[in-house]
ModelCIF file with pLDDT and N, C-alpha, C, O atoms, coordinates in Angstrom:
data_MODEL
#
_entry.id   MODEL 
#
_entity.id                         1 
_entity.type                       polymer 
_entity.pdbx_number_of_molecules   1 
#
_entity_poly.entity_id                      1 
_entity_poly.type                           'polypeptide(L)' 
_entity_poly.nstd_linkage                   no 
_entity_poly.nstd_monomer                   no 
_entity_poly.pdbx_seq_one_letter_code       RENTEDCYAGIEFEAQSEEAKRIIEILQTQFGVDKIRFPETSAIGVK 
_entity_poly.pdbx_seq_one_letter_code_can   RENTEDCYAGIEFEAQSEEAKRIIEILQTQFGVDKIRFPETSAIGVK 
_entity_poly.pdbx_strand_id                 A 
#
loop_
_entity_poly_seq.entity_id 
_entity_poly_seq.num 
_entity_poly_seq.mon_id 
_entity_poly_seq.hetero 
1 1  ARG n 
1 2  GLU n 
1 3  ASN n 
1 4  THR n 
1 5  GLU n 
1 6  ASP n 
1 7  CYS n 
1 8  TYR n 
1 9  ALA n 
1 10 GLY n 
1 11 ILE n 
1 12 GLU n 
1 13 PHE n 
1 14 GLU n 
1 15 ALA n 
1 16 GLN n 
1 17 SER n 
1 18 GLU n 
1 19 GLU n 
1 20 ALA n 
1 21 LYS n 
1 22 ARG n 
1 23 ILE n 
1 24 ILE n 
1 25 GLU n 
1 26 ILE n 
1 27 LEU n 
1 28 GLN n 
1 29 THR n 
1 30 GLN n 
1 31 PHE n 
1 32 GLY n 
1 33 VAL n 
1 34 ASP n 
1 35 LYS n 
1 36 ILE n 
1 37 ARG n 
1 38 PHE n 
1 39 PRO n 
1 40 GLU n 
1 41 THR n 
1 42 SER n 
1 43 ALA n 
1 44 ILE n 
1 45 GLY n 
1 46 VAL n 
1 47 LYS n 
#
_struct_asym.id          A 
_struct_asym.entity_id   1 
#
loop_
_ma_qa_metric.id 
_ma_qa_metric.mode 
_ma_qa_metric.name 
_ma_qa_metric.software_group_id 
_ma_qa_metric.type 
1 global pLDDT . pLDDT 
2 local  pLDDT . pLDDT 
#
_ma_qa_metric_global.metric_id      1 
_ma_qa_metric_global.metric_value   94.13 
_ma_qa_metric_global.model_id       1 
_ma_qa_metric_global.ordinal_id     1 
#
loop_
_ma_qa_metric_local.label_asym_id 
_ma_qa_metric_local.label_comp_id 
_ma_qa_metric_local.label_seq_id 
_ma_qa_metric_local.metric_id 
_ma_qa_metric_local.metric_value 
_ma_qa_metric_local.model_id 
_ma_qa_metric_local.ordinal_id 
A ARG 1  2 97.00 1 1  
A GLU 2  2 95.00 1 2  
A ASN 3  2 91.00 1 3  
A THR 4  2 91.00 1 4  
A GLU 5  2 93.00 1 5  
A ASP 6  2 92.00 1 6  
A CYS 7  2 88.00 1 7  
A TYR 8  2 83.00 1 8  
A ALA 9  2 86.00 1 9  
A GLY 10 2 84.00 1 10 
A ILE 11 2 91.00 1 11 
A GLU 12 2 93.00 1 12 
A PHE 13 2 95.00 1 13 
A GLU 14 2 95.00 1 14 
A ALA 15 2 96.00 1 15 
A GLN 16 2 96.00 1 16 
A SER 17 2 96.00 1 17 
A GLU 18 2 96.00 1 18 
A GLU 19 2 96.00 1 19 
A ALA 20 2 96.00 1 20 
A LYS 21 2 96.00 1 21 
A ARG 22 2 96.00 1 22 
A ILE 23 2 96.00 1 23 
A ILE 24 2 96.00 1 24 
A GLU 25 2 96.00 1 25 
A ILE 26 2 96.00 1 26 
A LEU 27 2 96.00 1 27 
A GLN 28 2 96.00 1 28 
A THR 29 2 95.00 1 29 
A GLN 30 2 96.00 1 30 
A PHE 31 2 95.00 1 31 
A GLY 32 2 95.00 1 32 
A VAL 33 2 94.00 1 33 
A ASP 34 2 93.00 1 34 
A LYS 35 2 93.00 1 35 
A ILE 36 2 95.00 1 36 
A ARG 37 2 95.00 1 37 
A PHE 38 2 96.00 1 38 
A PRO 39 2 95.00 1 39 
A GLU 40 2 95.00 1 40 
A THR 41 2 96.00 1 41 
A SER 42 2 97.00 1 42 
A ALA 43 2 96.00 1 43 
A ILE 44 2 96.00 1 44 
A GLY 45 2 95.00 1 45 
A VAL 46 2 94.00 1 46 
A LYS 47 2 95.00 1 47 
#
loop_
_atom_site.group_PDB 
_atom_site.id 
_atom_site.type_symbol 
_atom_site.label_atom_id 
_atom_site.label_alt_id 
_atom_site.label_comp_id 
_atom_site.label_asym_id 
_atom_site.label_entity_id 
_atom_site.label_seq_id 
_atom_site.pdbx_PDB_ins_code 
_atom_site.Cartn_x 
_atom_site.Cartn_y 
_atom_site.Cartn_z 
_atom_site.occupancy 
_atom_site.B_iso_or_equiv 
_atom_site.pdbx_formal_charge 
_atom_site.auth_seq_id 
_atom_site.auth_comp_id 
_atom_site.auth_asym_id 
_atom_site.auth_atom_id 
_atom_site.pdbx_PDB_model_num 
ATOM 1   N N  . ARG A 1 1  ? -10.536 0.974  -10.803 1.00 97.00 ? 1  ARG A N  1 
ATOM 2   C CA . ARG A 1 1  ? -9.913  2.340  -11.208 1.00 97.00 ? 1  ARG A CA 1 
ATOM 3   C C  . ARG A 1 1  ? -9.002  2.519  -12.276 1.00 97.00 ? 1  ARG A C  1 
ATOM 4   O O  . ARG A 1 1  ? -8.007  2.022  -12.805 1.00 97.00 ? 1  ARG A O  1 
ATOM 5   N N  . GLU A 1 2  ? -9.898  3.577  -12.357 1.00 95.00 ? 2  GLU A N  1 
ATOM 6   C CA . GLU A 1 2  ? -8.388  3.754  -13.927 1.00 95.00 ? 2  GLU A CA 1 
ATOM 7   C C  . GLU A 1 2  ? -7.518  4.740  -13.825 1.00 95.00 ? 2  GLU A C  1 
ATOM 8   O O  . GLU A 1 2  ? -7.640  5.964  -13.872 1.00 95.00 ? 2  GLU A O  1 
ATOM 9   N N  . ASN A 1 3  ? -6.208  3.702  -13.611 1.00 91.00 ? 3  ASN A N  1 
ATOM 10  C CA . ASN A 1 3  ? -5.008  3.858  -13.244 1.00 91.00 ? 3  ASN A CA 1 
ATOM 11  C C  . ASN A 1 3  ? -4.354  4.985  -14.323 1.00 91.00 ? 3  ASN A C  1 
ATOM 12  O O  . ASN A 1 3  ? -3.764  5.820  -13.638 1.00 91.00 ? 3  ASN A O  1 
ATOM 13  N N  . THR A 1 4  ? -4.257  5.271  -15.577 1.00 91.00 ? 4  THR A N  1 
ATOM 14  C CA . THR A 1 4  ? -3.377  5.452  -16.184 1.00 91.00 ? 4  THR A CA 1 
ATOM 15  C C  . THR A 1 4  ? -3.272  7.862  -17.367 1.00 91.00 ? 4  THR A C  1 
ATOM 16  O O  . THR A 1 4  ? -2.489  8.668  -17.870 1.00 91.00 ? 4  THR A O  1 
ATOM 17  N N  . GLU A 1 5  ? -5.023  7.581  -16.977 1.00 93.00 ? 5  GLU A N  1 
ATOM 18  C CA . GLU A 1 5  ? -4.923  9.688  -17.376 1.00 93.00 ? 5  GLU A CA 1 
ATOM 19  C C  . GLU A 1 5  ? -5.876  10.024 -16.250 1.00 93.00 ? 5  GLU A C  1 
ATOM 20  O O  . GLU A 1 5  ? -5.610  9.873  -15.058 1.00 93.00 ? 5  GLU A O  1 
ATOM 21  N N  . ASP A 1 6  ? -6.834  10.420 -16.661 1.00 92.00 ? 6  ASP A N  1 
ATOM 22  C CA . ASP A 1 6  ? -6.890  11.595 -15.160 1.00 92.00 ? 6  ASP A CA 1 
ATOM 23  C C  . ASP A 1 6  ? -6.295  12.635 -14.793 1.00 92.00 ? 6  ASP A C  1 
ATOM 24  O O  . ASP A 1 6  ? -5.681  13.412 -15.525 1.00 92.00 ? 6  ASP A O  1 
ATOM 25  N N  . CYS A 1 7  ? -6.497  12.733 -13.238 1.00 88.00 ? 7  CYS A N  1 
ATOM 26  C CA . CYS A 1 7  ? -4.990  13.538 -12.720 1.00 88.00 ? 7  CYS A CA 1 
ATOM 27  C C  . CYS A 1 7  ? -3.296  12.935 -12.725 1.00 88.00 ? 7  CYS A C  1 
ATOM 28  O O  . CYS A 1 7  ? -2.203  13.492 -12.823 1.00 88.00 ? 7  CYS A O  1 
ATOM 29  N N  . TYR A 1 8  ? -3.572  12.062 -12.627 1.00 83.00 ? 8  TYR A N  1 
ATOM 30  C CA . TYR A 1 8  ? -2.404  10.486 -11.808 1.00 83.00 ? 8  TYR A CA 1 
ATOM 31  C C  . TYR A 1 8  ? -1.819  11.188 -13.625 1.00 83.00 ? 8  TYR A C  1 
ATOM 32  O O  . TYR A 1 8  ? -0.674  10.740 -13.680 1.00 83.00 ? 8  TYR A O  1 
ATOM 33  N N  . ALA A 1 9  ? -2.023  11.879 -14.790 1.00 86.00 ? 9  ALA A N  1 
ATOM 34  C CA . ALA A 1 9  ? -1.306  11.647 -15.422 1.00 86.00 ? 9  ALA A CA 1 
ATOM 35  C C  . ALA A 1 9  ? 0.092   12.646 -16.000 1.00 86.00 ? 9  ALA A C  1 
ATOM 36  O O  . ALA A 1 9  ? 0.903   12.944 -16.877 1.00 86.00 ? 9  ALA A O  1 
ATOM 37  N N  . GLY A 1 10 ? -0.514  12.839 -14.547 1.00 84.00 ? 10 GLY A N  1 
ATOM 38  C CA . GLY A 1 10 ? 0.562   13.902 -14.267 1.00 84.00 ? 10 GLY A CA 1 
ATOM 39  C C  . GLY A 1 10 ? 0.870   15.310 -14.698 1.00 84.00 ? 10 GLY A C  1 
ATOM 40  O O  . GLY A 1 10 ? 1.740   16.014 -14.185 1.00 84.00 ? 10 GLY A O  1 
ATOM 41  N N  . ILE A 1 11 ? 0.280   15.567 -15.436 1.00 91.00 ? 11 ILE A N  1 
ATOM 42  C CA . ILE A 1 11 ? 1.021   16.957 -16.715 1.00 91.00 ? 11 ILE A CA 1 
ATOM 43  C C  . ILE A 1 11 ? -0.255  18.482 -15.312 1.00 91.00 ? 11 ILE A C  1 
ATOM 44  O O  . ILE A 1 11 ? -1.417  18.445 -14.907 1.00 91.00 ? 11 ILE A O  1 
ATOM 45  N N  . GLU A 1 12 ? 0.539   19.172 -15.183 1.00 93.00 ? 12 GLU A N  1 
ATOM 46  C CA . GLU A 1 12 ? 0.465   20.409 -14.613 1.00 93.00 ? 12 GLU A CA 1 
ATOM 47  C C  . GLU A 1 12 ? 2.199   20.752 -14.436 1.00 93.00 ? 12 GLU A C  1 
ATOM 48  O O  . GLU A 1 12 ? 3.149   19.969 -14.435 1.00 93.00 ? 12 GLU A O  1 
ATOM 49  N N  . PHE A 1 13 ? 2.159   22.195 -14.298 1.00 95.00 ? 13 PHE A N  1 
ATOM 50  C CA . PHE A 1 13 ? 2.735   23.436 -14.584 1.00 95.00 ? 13 PHE A CA 1 
ATOM 51  C C  . PHE A 1 13 ? 1.996   24.427 -12.728 1.00 95.00 ? 13 PHE A C  1 
ATOM 52  O O  . PHE A 1 13 ? 0.961   24.852 -12.215 1.00 95.00 ? 13 PHE A O  1 
ATOM 53  N N  . GLU A 1 14 ? 3.546   24.267 -12.466 1.00 95.00 ? 14 GLU A N  1 
ATOM 54  C CA . GLU A 1 14 ? 3.474   25.446 -11.738 1.00 95.00 ? 14 GLU A CA 1 
ATOM 55  C C  . GLU A 1 14 ? 3.111   27.279 -11.535 1.00 95.00 ? 14 GLU A C  1 
ATOM 56  O O  . GLU A 1 14 ? 3.446   28.351 -12.037 1.00 95.00 ? 14 GLU A O  1 
ATOM 57  N N  . ALA A 1 15 ? 2.345   26.820 -10.613 1.00 96.00 ? 15 ALA A N  1 
ATOM 58  C CA . ALA A 1 15 ? 2.084   29.118 -10.603 1.00 96.00 ? 15 ALA A CA 1 
ATOM 59  C C  . ALA A 1 15 ? 3.082   29.523 -11.180 1.00 96.00 ? 15 ALA A C  1 
ATOM 60  O O  . ALA A 1 15 ? 4.120   28.969 -11.541 1.00 96.00 ? 15 ALA A O  1 
ATOM 61  N N  . GLN A 1 16 ? 2.549   30.951 -11.274 1.00 96.00 ? 16 GLN A N  1 
ATOM 62  C CA . GLN A 1 16 ? 3.954   32.194 -11.525 1.00 96.00 ? 16 GLN A CA 1 
ATOM 63  C C  . GLN A 1 16 ? 4.757   31.484 -12.649 1.00 96.00 ? 16 GLN A C  1 
ATOM 64  O O  . GLN A 1 16 ? 5.857   31.979 -12.896 1.00 96.00 ? 16 GLN A O  1 
ATOM 65  N N  . SER A 1 17 ? 4.145   29.763 -13.788 1.00 96.00 ? 17 SER A N  1 
ATOM 66  C CA . SER A 1 17 ? 5.966   30.123 -14.143 1.00 96.00 ? 17 SER A CA 1 
ATOM 67  C C  . SER A 1 17 ? 5.594   30.382 -15.416 1.00 96.00 ? 17 SER A C  1 
ATOM 68  O O  . SER A 1 17 ? 4.427   30.632 -15.717 1.00 96.00 ? 17 SER A O  1 
ATOM 69  N N  . GLU A 1 18 ? 6.586   30.339 -16.274 1.00 96.00 ? 18 GLU A N  1 
ATOM 70  C CA . GLU A 1 18 ? 6.682   29.827 -17.425 1.00 96.00 ? 18 GLU A CA 1 
ATOM 71  C C  . GLU A 1 18 ? 5.448   29.460 -18.553 1.00 96.00 ? 18 GLU A C  1 
ATOM 72  O O  . GLU A 1 18 ? 4.662   29.838 -19.421 1.00 96.00 ? 18 GLU A O  1 
ATOM 73  N N  . GLU A 1 19 ? 5.912   28.585 -17.882 1.00 96.00 ? 19 GLU A N  1 
ATOM 74  C CA . GLU A 1 19 ? 4.810   28.057 -18.728 1.00 96.00 ? 19 GLU A CA 1 
ATOM 75  C C  . GLU A 1 19 ? 2.919   27.718 -18.208 1.00 96.00 ? 19 GLU A C  1 
ATOM 76  O O  . GLU A 1 19 ? 2.023   27.347 -18.967 1.00 96.00 ? 19 GLU A O  1 
ATOM 77  N N  . ALA A 1 20 ? 2.839   27.932 -17.086 1.00 96.00 ? 20 ALA A N  1 
ATOM 78  C CA . ALA A 1 20 ? 1.433   27.957 -16.774 1.00 96.00 ? 20 ALA A CA 1 
ATOM 79  C C  . ALA A 1 20 ? 1.386   29.523 -17.773 1.00 96.00 ? 20 ALA A C  1 
ATOM 80  O O  . ALA A 1 20 ? 1.100   29.445 -18.968 1.00 96.00 ? 20 ALA A O  1 
ATOM 81  N N  . LYS A 1 21 ? 1.706   30.925 -17.103 1.00 96.00 ? 21 LYS A N  1 
ATOM 82  C CA . LYS A 1 21 ? 1.566   32.115 -18.021 1.00 96.00 ? 21 LYS A CA 1 
ATOM 83  C C  . LYS A 1 21 ? 1.264   31.527 -19.781 1.00 96.00 ? 21 LYS A C  1 
ATOM 84  O O  . LYS A 1 21 ? 0.911   32.426 -20.544 1.00 96.00 ? 21 LYS A O  1 
ATOM 85  N N  . ARG A 1 22 ? 1.339   30.708 -20.134 1.00 96.00 ? 22 ARG A N  1 
ATOM 86  C CA . ARG A 1 22 ? 1.656   31.026 -21.744 1.00 96.00 ? 22 ARG A CA 1 
ATOM 87  C C  . ARG A 1 22 ? 0.470   29.834 -21.971 1.00 96.00 ? 22 ARG A C  1 
ATOM 88  O O  . ARG A 1 22 ? -0.134  29.873 -23.042 1.00 96.00 ? 22 ARG A O  1 
ATOM 89  N N  . ILE A 1 23 ? 0.086   28.672 -20.897 1.00 96.00 ? 23 ILE A N  1 
ATOM 90  C CA . ILE A 1 23 ? -1.040  27.932 -20.885 1.00 96.00 ? 23 ILE A CA 1 
ATOM 91  C C  . ILE A 1 23 ? -2.523  28.682 -21.108 1.00 96.00 ? 23 ILE A C  1 
ATOM 92  O O  . ILE A 1 23 ? -3.513  28.502 -21.818 1.00 96.00 ? 23 ILE A O  1 
ATOM 93  N N  . ILE A 1 24 ? -2.080  29.646 -20.063 1.00 96.00 ? 24 ILE A N  1 
ATOM 94  C CA . ILE A 1 24 ? -3.370  30.277 -19.807 1.00 96.00 ? 24 ILE A CA 1 
ATOM 95  C C  . ILE A 1 24 ? -3.682  31.989 -20.693 1.00 96.00 ? 24 ILE A C  1 
ATOM 96  O O  . ILE A 1 24 ? -4.747  32.598 -20.804 1.00 96.00 ? 24 ILE A O  1 
ATOM 97  N N  . GLU A 1 25 ? -2.489  32.309 -21.125 1.00 96.00 ? 25 GLU A N  1 
ATOM 98  C CA . GLU A 1 25 ? -2.743  33.102 -21.991 1.00 96.00 ? 25 GLU A CA 1 
ATOM 99  C C  . GLU A 1 25 ? -2.840  32.882 -23.429 1.00 96.00 ? 25 GLU A C  1 
ATOM 100 O O  . GLU A 1 25 ? -2.608  33.750 -24.270 1.00 96.00 ? 25 GLU A O  1 
ATOM 101 N N  . ILE A 1 26 ? -3.135  31.874 -23.635 1.00 96.00 ? 26 ILE A N  1 
ATOM 102 C CA . ILE A 1 26 ? -3.727  31.014 -24.792 1.00 96.00 ? 26 ILE A CA 1 
ATOM 103 C C  . ILE A 1 26 ? -4.995  30.857 -24.609 1.00 96.00 ? 26 ILE A C  1 
ATOM 104 O O  . ILE A 1 26 ? -5.609  31.826 -25.055 1.00 96.00 ? 26 ILE A O  1 
ATOM 105 N N  . LEU A 1 27 ? -5.757  29.956 -24.087 1.00 96.00 ? 27 LEU A N  1 
ATOM 106 C CA . LEU A 1 27 ? -6.598  29.200 -23.294 1.00 96.00 ? 27 LEU A CA 1 
ATOM 107 C C  . LEU A 1 27 ? -7.194  30.709 -23.106 1.00 96.00 ? 27 LEU A C  1 
ATOM 108 O O  . LEU A 1 27 ? -8.409  30.510 -23.076 1.00 96.00 ? 27 LEU A O  1 
ATOM 109 N N  . GLN A 1 28 ? -6.966  32.203 -22.954 1.00 96.00 ? 28 GLN A N  1 
ATOM 110 C CA . GLN A 1 28 ? -7.369  33.522 -22.577 1.00 96.00 ? 28 GLN A CA 1 
ATOM 111 C C  . GLN A 1 28 ? -8.146  34.220 -23.695 1.00 96.00 ? 28 GLN A C  1 
ATOM 112 O O  . GLN A 1 28 ? -9.302  34.644 -23.679 1.00 96.00 ? 28 GLN A O  1 
ATOM 113 N N  . THR A 1 29 ? -6.497  34.247 -25.452 1.00 95.00 ? 29 THR A N  1 
ATOM 114 C CA . THR A 1 29 ? -6.273  34.868 -26.127 1.00 95.00 ? 29 THR A CA 1 
ATOM 115 C C  . THR A 1 29 ? -7.197  33.947 -26.764 1.00 95.00 ? 29 THR A C  1 
ATOM 116 O O  . THR A 1 29 ? -8.307  34.325 -27.137 1.00 95.00 ? 29 THR A O  1 
ATOM 117 N N  . GLN A 1 30 ? -6.678  32.439 -26.942 1.00 96.00 ? 30 GLN A N  1 
ATOM 118 C CA . GLN A 1 30 ? -7.350  31.761 -28.857 1.00 96.00 ? 30 GLN A CA 1 
ATOM 119 C C  . GLN A 1 30 ? -8.556  31.006 -27.540 1.00 96.00 ? 30 GLN A C  1 
ATOM 120 O O  . GLN A 1 30 ? -9.623  30.857 -28.135 1.00 96.00 ? 30 GLN A O  1 
ATOM 121 N N  . PHE A 1 31 ? -8.676  30.623 -26.363 1.00 95.00 ? 31 PHE A N  1 
ATOM 122 C CA . PHE A 1 31 ? -10.324 29.812 -26.295 1.00 95.00 ? 31 PHE A CA 1 
ATOM 123 C C  . PHE A 1 31 ? -11.299 30.648 -25.512 1.00 95.00 ? 31 PHE A C  1 
ATOM 124 O O  . PHE A 1 31 ? -12.204 29.979 -25.013 1.00 95.00 ? 31 PHE A O  1 
ATOM 125 N N  . GLY A 1 32 ? -11.345 31.915 -25.280 1.00 95.00 ? 32 GLY A N  1 
ATOM 126 C CA . GLY A 1 32 ? -11.734 33.017 -24.688 1.00 95.00 ? 32 GLY A CA 1 
ATOM 127 C C  . GLY A 1 32 ? -12.215 32.197 -23.297 1.00 95.00 ? 32 GLY A C  1 
ATOM 128 O O  . GLY A 1 32 ? -13.340 31.766 -23.043 1.00 95.00 ? 32 GLY A O  1 
ATOM 129 N N  . VAL A 1 33 ? -11.271 32.140 -22.667 1.00 94.00 ? 33 VAL A N  1 
ATOM 130 C CA . VAL A 1 33 ? -12.134 31.223 -21.425 1.00 94.00 ? 33 VAL A CA 1 
ATOM 131 C C  . VAL A 1 33 ? -11.128 32.585 -20.273 1.00 94.00 ? 33 VAL A C  1 
ATOM 132 O O  . VAL A 1 33 ? -10.003 33.057 -20.108 1.00 94.00 ? 33 VAL A O  1 
ATOM 133 N N  . ASP A 1 34 ? -13.060 32.697 -19.571 1.00 93.00 ? 34 ASP A N  1 
ATOM 134 C CA . ASP A 1 34 ? -12.742 33.834 -18.536 1.00 93.00 ? 34 ASP A CA 1 
ATOM 135 C C  . ASP A 1 34 ? -13.103 33.971 -17.234 1.00 93.00 ? 34 ASP A C  1 
ATOM 136 O O  . ASP A 1 34 ? -13.364 35.009 -16.627 1.00 93.00 ? 34 ASP A O  1 
ATOM 137 N N  . LYS A 1 35 ? -13.098 32.609 -16.767 1.00 93.00 ? 35 LYS A N  1 
ATOM 138 C CA . LYS A 1 35 ? -13.032 31.574 -15.494 1.00 93.00 ? 35 LYS A CA 1 
ATOM 139 C C  . LYS A 1 35 ? -12.278 31.101 -14.366 1.00 93.00 ? 35 LYS A C  1 
ATOM 140 O O  . LYS A 1 35 ? -12.425 30.505 -13.299 1.00 93.00 ? 35 LYS A O  1 
ATOM 141 N N  . ILE A 1 36 ? -11.210 31.760 -15.249 1.00 95.00 ? 36 ILE A N  1 
ATOM 142 C CA . ILE A 1 36 ? -9.657  31.587 -14.087 1.00 95.00 ? 36 ILE A CA 1 
ATOM 143 C C  . ILE A 1 36 ? -9.560  33.277 -13.728 1.00 95.00 ? 36 ILE A C  1 
ATOM 144 O O  . ILE A 1 36 ? -9.143  34.290 -14.290 1.00 95.00 ? 36 ILE A O  1 
ATOM 145 N N  . ARG A 1 37 ? -10.580 32.708 -11.710 1.00 95.00 ? 37 ARG A N  1 
ATOM 146 C CA . ARG A 1 37 ? -10.523 34.245 -11.258 1.00 95.00 ? 37 ARG A CA 1 
ATOM 147 C C  . ARG A 1 37 ? -9.463  34.877 -11.181 1.00 95.00 ? 37 ARG A C  1 
ATOM 148 O O  . ARG A 1 37 ? -9.363  36.047 -11.550 1.00 95.00 ? 37 ARG A O  1 
ATOM 149 N N  . PHE A 1 38 ? -8.182  33.954 -10.516 1.00 96.00 ? 38 PHE A N  1 
ATOM 150 C CA . PHE A 1 38 ? -6.682  34.278 -10.117 1.00 96.00 ? 38 PHE A CA 1 
ATOM 151 C C  . PHE A 1 38 ? -5.529  33.976 -11.463 1.00 96.00 ? 38 PHE A C  1 
ATOM 152 O O  . PHE A 1 38 ? -4.742  33.034 -11.376 1.00 96.00 ? 38 PHE A O  1 
ATOM 153 N N  . PRO A 1 39 ? -5.541  34.543 -12.220 1.00 95.00 ? 39 PRO A N  1 
ATOM 154 C CA . PRO A 1 39 ? -5.261  34.402 -13.644 1.00 95.00 ? 39 PRO A CA 1 
ATOM 155 C C  . PRO A 1 39 ? -3.285  34.917 -13.868 1.00 95.00 ? 39 PRO A C  1 
ATOM 156 O O  . PRO A 1 39 ? -2.716  35.133 -14.938 1.00 95.00 ? 39 PRO A O  1 
ATOM 157 N N  . GLU A 1 40 ? -2.770  34.966 -12.663 1.00 95.00 ? 40 GLU A N  1 
ATOM 158 C CA . GLU A 1 40 ? -1.599  36.033 -12.075 1.00 95.00 ? 40 GLU A CA 1 
ATOM 159 C C  . GLU A 1 40 ? -0.903  34.326 -11.798 1.00 95.00 ? 40 GLU A C  1 
ATOM 160 O O  . GLU A 1 40 ? -0.219  33.677 -12.590 1.00 95.00 ? 40 GLU A O  1 
ATOM 161 N N  . THR A 1 41 ? -1.375  33.921 -10.368 1.00 96.00 ? 41 THR A N  1 
ATOM 162 C CA . THR A 1 41 ? -1.347  33.017 -9.564  1.00 96.00 ? 41 THR A CA 1 
ATOM 163 C C  . THR A 1 41 ? -1.339  32.013 -9.868  1.00 96.00 ? 41 THR A C  1 
ATOM 164 O O  . THR A 1 41 ? -0.477  31.374 -9.265  1.00 96.00 ? 41 THR A O  1 
ATOM 165 N N  . SER A 1 42 ? -2.218  31.126 -10.961 1.00 97.00 ? 42 SER A N  1 
ATOM 166 C CA . SER A 1 42 ? -3.144  29.654 -10.815 1.00 97.00 ? 42 SER A CA 1 
ATOM 167 C C  . SER A 1 42 ? -1.654  29.651 -11.479 1.00 97.00 ? 42 SER A C  1 
ATOM 168 O O  . SER A 1 42 ? -0.961  30.337 -12.231 1.00 97.00 ? 42 SER A O  1 
ATOM 169 N N  . ALA A 1 43 ? -1.581  27.964 -10.425 1.00 96.00 ? 43 ALA A N  1 
ATOM 170 C CA . ALA A 1 43 ? -0.650  26.795 -11.100 1.00 96.00 ? 43 ALA A CA 1 
ATOM 171 C C  . ALA A 1 43 ? -2.832  25.876 -12.091 1.00 96.00 ? 43 ALA A C  1 
ATOM 172 O O  . ALA A 1 43 ? -4.046  25.785 -11.907 1.00 96.00 ? 43 ALA A O  1 
ATOM 173 N N  . ILE A 1 44 ? -1.565  25.489 -13.129 1.00 96.00 ? 44 ILE A N  1 
ATOM 174 C CA . ILE A 1 44 ? -2.140  24.528 -13.935 1.00 96.00 ? 44 ILE A CA 1 
ATOM 175 C C  . ILE A 1 44 ? -2.168  23.668 -14.245 1.00 96.00 ? 44 ILE A C  1 
ATOM 176 O O  . ILE A 1 44 ? -1.047  23.206 -14.454 1.00 96.00 ? 44 ILE A O  1 
ATOM 177 N N  . GLY A 1 45 ? -3.875  22.299 -14.678 1.00 95.00 ? 45 GLY A N  1 
ATOM 178 C CA . GLY A 1 45 ? -3.503  21.401 -14.350 1.00 95.00 ? 45 GLY A CA 1 
ATOM 179 C C  . GLY A 1 45 ? -4.392  20.867 -15.695 1.00 95.00 ? 45 GLY A C  1 
ATOM 180 O O  . GLY A 1 45 ? -5.495  21.379 -15.890 1.00 95.00 ? 45 GLY A O  1 
ATOM 181 N N  . VAL A 1 46 ? -3.916  19.894 -16.551 1.00 94.00 ? 46 VAL A N  1 
ATOM 182 C CA . VAL A 1 46 ? -4.519  19.399 -18.091 1.00 94.00 ? 46 VAL A CA 1 
ATOM 183 C C  . VAL A 1 46 ? -4.712  17.622 -17.524 1.00 94.00 ? 46 VAL A C  1 
ATOM 184 O O  . VAL A 1 46 ? -3.836  16.857 -17.119 1.00 94.00 ? 46 VAL A O  1 
ATOM 185 N N  . LYS A 1 47 ? -6.057  17.412 -17.677 1.00 95.00 ? 47 LYS A N  1 
ATOM 186 C CA . LYS A 1 47 ? -7.288  16.543 -16.925 1.00 95.00 ? 47 LYS A CA 1 
ATOM 187 C C  . LYS A 1 47 ? -7.166  15.122 -18.599 1.00 95.00 ? 47 LYS A C  1 
ATOM 188 O O  . LYS A 1 47 ? -7.908  14.140 -18.632 1.00 95.00 ? 47 LYS A O  1 
#
């Protein structure tokens, strides 16, 4: 089992935090992401 990457790398941002809001905004405006159904209340994790 891989130990150091994936979800266990621990890169995540709490829902409604400033960090989560910024990442969601970047995803929407710069990458055209439209699949975040509830952007205002979504926590974000990076894998």
